Structures are given as structure tokens and as C-alpha cells.
């Protein structure tokens, strides 16, 4: 993936929120060089199932 993003870039996929679906999609798209994807998340860090007893 290209780390330099410009306002004129065109993306094949844009995901909003890194929930289970977009997280899986991002992982799969990362290995396909023909897919130009961008994902947005408002939180600064990822927290899987916050508040559960599982670490």
C-alpha cells in the first residue's frame, strides 16, 4: 500500500470504522497490490471487545 495519500487519490475500497468486518477486509486487501484501500477509525488505538473479562 502507498503510505502517501493525496486528496486526488482514487480508492477501490473505503472502510469507516475498524470493526470485525473492516478489520478482516483490511487484512485481506493488504496482500492484494491491485486494491487501493483506505480505512478510517476515530479511536487512536484498537481495543477488541472492551469491557469483557478476556484479555
N, C-alpha and C. Protein backbone atom coordinates (compact mmCIF):
# COMPACT_ATOMS: atom_id res chain seq x y z
N UNK A 1 0.84 -1.18 0.00
CA UNK A 1 0.00 0.00 0.00
C UNK A 1 0.88 1.25 0.00
N UNK A 2 0.38 2.26 -0.62
CA UNK A 2 1.09 3.53 -0.68
C UNK A 2 0.84 4.30 0.61
N UNK A 3 1.94 4.72 1.28
CA UNK A 3 1.79 5.42 2.56
C UNK A 3 1.54 6.92 2.39
N UNK A 4 1.73 7.45 1.17
CA UNK A 4 1.49 8.86 0.93
C UNK A 4 0.13 9.03 0.26
N UNK A 5 -0.80 9.66 0.96
CA UNK A 5 -2.16 9.84 0.44
C UNK A 5 -2.35 11.29 0.02
N UNK A 6 -2.97 11.48 -1.14
CA UNK A 6 -3.27 12.81 -1.64
C UNK A 6 -4.79 12.96 -1.78
N UNK A 7 -5.32 14.18 -1.70
CA UNK A 7 -6.77 14.38 -1.83
C UNK A 7 -7.33 13.90 -3.16
N UNK A 8 -6.49 13.78 -4.18
CA UNK A 8 -6.96 13.37 -5.50
C UNK A 8 -6.87 11.87 -5.73
N UNK A 9 -6.39 11.11 -4.74
CA UNK A 9 -6.28 9.66 -4.90
C UNK A 9 -7.66 9.03 -5.05
N UNK A 10 -7.74 7.98 -5.85
CA UNK A 10 -8.97 7.22 -6.04
C UNK A 10 -8.78 5.87 -5.37
N UNK A 11 -9.75 5.46 -4.58
CA UNK A 11 -9.67 4.21 -3.83
C UNK A 11 -10.71 3.22 -4.34
N UNK A 12 -10.34 1.94 -4.31
CA UNK A 12 -11.28 0.88 -4.65
C UNK A 12 -12.22 0.61 -3.48
N UNK A 13 -11.71 0.75 -2.28
CA UNK A 13 -12.48 0.45 -1.06
C UNK A 13 -12.16 1.51 -0.01
N UNK A 14 -13.20 2.02 0.65
CA UNK A 14 -13.02 2.90 1.80
C UNK A 14 -13.86 2.32 2.93
N UNK A 15 -13.22 2.04 4.05
CA UNK A 15 -13.93 1.50 5.20
C UNK A 15 -13.99 2.52 6.33
N UNK A 16 -15.13 2.62 6.96
CA UNK A 16 -15.30 3.53 8.09
C UNK A 16 -15.52 2.69 9.34
N UNK A 17 -14.58 2.80 10.26
CA UNK A 17 -14.61 2.01 11.49
C UNK A 17 -13.89 0.68 11.30
N UNK A 18 -13.06 0.32 12.25
CA UNK A 18 -12.32 -0.93 12.17
C UNK A 18 -12.98 -1.95 13.09
N UNK A 19 -14.19 -2.34 12.71
CA UNK A 19 -14.87 -3.43 13.40
C UNK A 19 -14.44 -4.75 12.79
N UNK A 20 -15.06 -5.85 13.18
CA UNK A 20 -14.65 -7.17 12.68
C UNK A 20 -14.66 -7.28 11.15
N UNK A 21 -15.68 -6.74 10.49
CA UNK A 21 -15.73 -6.85 9.03
C UNK A 21 -14.60 -6.07 8.37
N UNK A 22 -14.46 -4.79 8.70
CA UNK A 22 -13.43 -3.97 8.07
C UNK A 22 -12.03 -4.41 8.46
N UNK A 23 -11.86 -4.93 9.65
CA UNK A 23 -10.55 -5.44 10.05
C UNK A 23 -10.16 -6.63 9.17
N UNK A 24 -11.11 -7.55 8.96
CA UNK A 24 -10.86 -8.69 8.07
C UNK A 24 -10.63 -8.25 6.64
N UNK A 25 -11.43 -7.30 6.17
CA UNK A 25 -11.27 -6.79 4.81
C UNK A 25 -9.91 -6.12 4.63
N UNK A 26 -9.48 -5.34 5.61
CA UNK A 26 -8.18 -4.69 5.54
C UNK A 26 -7.04 -5.72 5.49
N UNK A 27 -7.17 -6.77 6.29
CA UNK A 27 -6.14 -7.81 6.30
C UNK A 27 -6.07 -8.52 4.95
N UNK A 28 -7.22 -8.82 4.36
CA UNK A 28 -7.23 -9.49 3.06
C UNK A 28 -6.76 -8.56 1.95
N UNK A 29 -7.18 -7.31 1.97
CA UNK A 29 -6.82 -6.36 0.91
C UNK A 29 -5.34 -5.99 0.95
N UNK A 30 -4.72 -6.09 2.11
CA UNK A 30 -3.31 -5.72 2.24
C UNK A 30 -2.40 -6.57 1.35
N UNK A 31 -2.78 -7.82 1.13
CA UNK A 31 -1.94 -8.72 0.33
C UNK A 31 -2.23 -8.64 -1.16
N UNK A 32 -3.21 -7.83 -1.58
CA UNK A 32 -3.56 -7.69 -3.00
C UNK A 32 -3.12 -6.32 -3.48
N UNK A 33 -2.04 -6.29 -4.25
CA UNK A 33 -1.46 -5.00 -4.64
C UNK A 33 -2.36 -4.20 -5.58
N UNK A 34 -3.30 -4.85 -6.27
CA UNK A 34 -4.20 -4.14 -7.19
C UNK A 34 -5.31 -3.38 -6.48
N UNK A 35 -5.51 -3.63 -5.19
CA UNK A 35 -6.57 -2.96 -4.43
C UNK A 35 -5.98 -1.78 -3.67
N UNK A 36 -6.54 -0.61 -3.92
CA UNK A 36 -6.14 0.60 -3.22
C UNK A 36 -7.22 0.89 -2.18
N UNK A 37 -6.92 0.60 -0.90
CA UNK A 37 -7.92 0.70 0.16
C UNK A 37 -7.50 1.72 1.21
N UNK A 38 -8.51 2.32 1.85
CA UNK A 38 -8.28 3.29 2.91
C UNK A 38 -9.32 3.02 4.00
N UNK A 39 -8.88 2.96 5.26
CA UNK A 39 -9.78 2.70 6.38
C UNK A 39 -9.65 3.81 7.41
N UNK A 40 -10.78 4.26 7.92
CA UNK A 40 -10.83 5.31 8.93
C UNK A 40 -11.30 4.72 10.26
N UNK A 41 -10.71 5.20 11.34
CA UNK A 41 -11.13 4.83 12.69
C UNK A 41 -10.96 6.05 13.57
N UNK A 42 -11.97 6.40 14.34
CA UNK A 42 -11.88 7.60 15.17
C UNK A 42 -11.03 7.38 16.42
N UNK A 43 -10.96 6.15 16.93
CA UNK A 43 -10.16 5.86 18.11
C UNK A 43 -8.68 5.77 17.75
N UNK A 44 -7.82 6.21 18.66
CA UNK A 44 -6.38 6.20 18.40
C UNK A 44 -5.77 4.81 18.46
N UNK A 45 -6.40 3.90 19.22
CA UNK A 45 -5.87 2.54 19.33
C UNK A 45 -7.02 1.55 19.23
N UNK A 46 -6.68 0.33 18.89
CA UNK A 46 -7.68 -0.73 18.71
C UNK A 46 -7.89 -1.45 20.03
N UNK A 47 -9.15 -1.71 20.39
CA UNK A 47 -9.48 -2.43 21.62
C UNK A 47 -10.54 -3.47 21.26
N UNK A 48 -10.17 -4.74 21.31
CA UNK A 48 -11.06 -5.82 20.92
C UNK A 48 -12.00 -6.15 22.07
N UNK A 49 -13.29 -6.00 21.87
CA UNK A 49 -14.34 -6.28 22.85
C UNK A 49 -14.04 -5.63 24.21
N UNK A 50 -14.01 -4.32 24.29
CA UNK A 50 -13.73 -3.66 25.56
C UNK A 50 -14.76 -4.02 26.65
N UNK A 51 -14.29 -4.18 27.87
CA UNK A 51 -15.16 -4.49 28.99
C UNK A 51 -15.37 -5.96 29.25
N UNK A 52 -14.87 -6.82 28.38
CA UNK A 52 -15.00 -8.26 28.62
C UNK A 52 -13.87 -8.74 29.53
N UNK A 53 -14.03 -9.88 30.14
CA UNK A 53 -13.01 -10.41 31.04
C UNK A 53 -11.83 -11.02 30.29
N UNK A 54 -11.99 -11.25 28.96
CA UNK A 54 -10.91 -11.83 28.17
C UNK A 54 -9.89 -10.76 27.84
N UNK A 55 -8.64 -11.00 28.14
CA UNK A 55 -7.57 -10.03 27.82
C UNK A 55 -7.27 -10.04 26.34
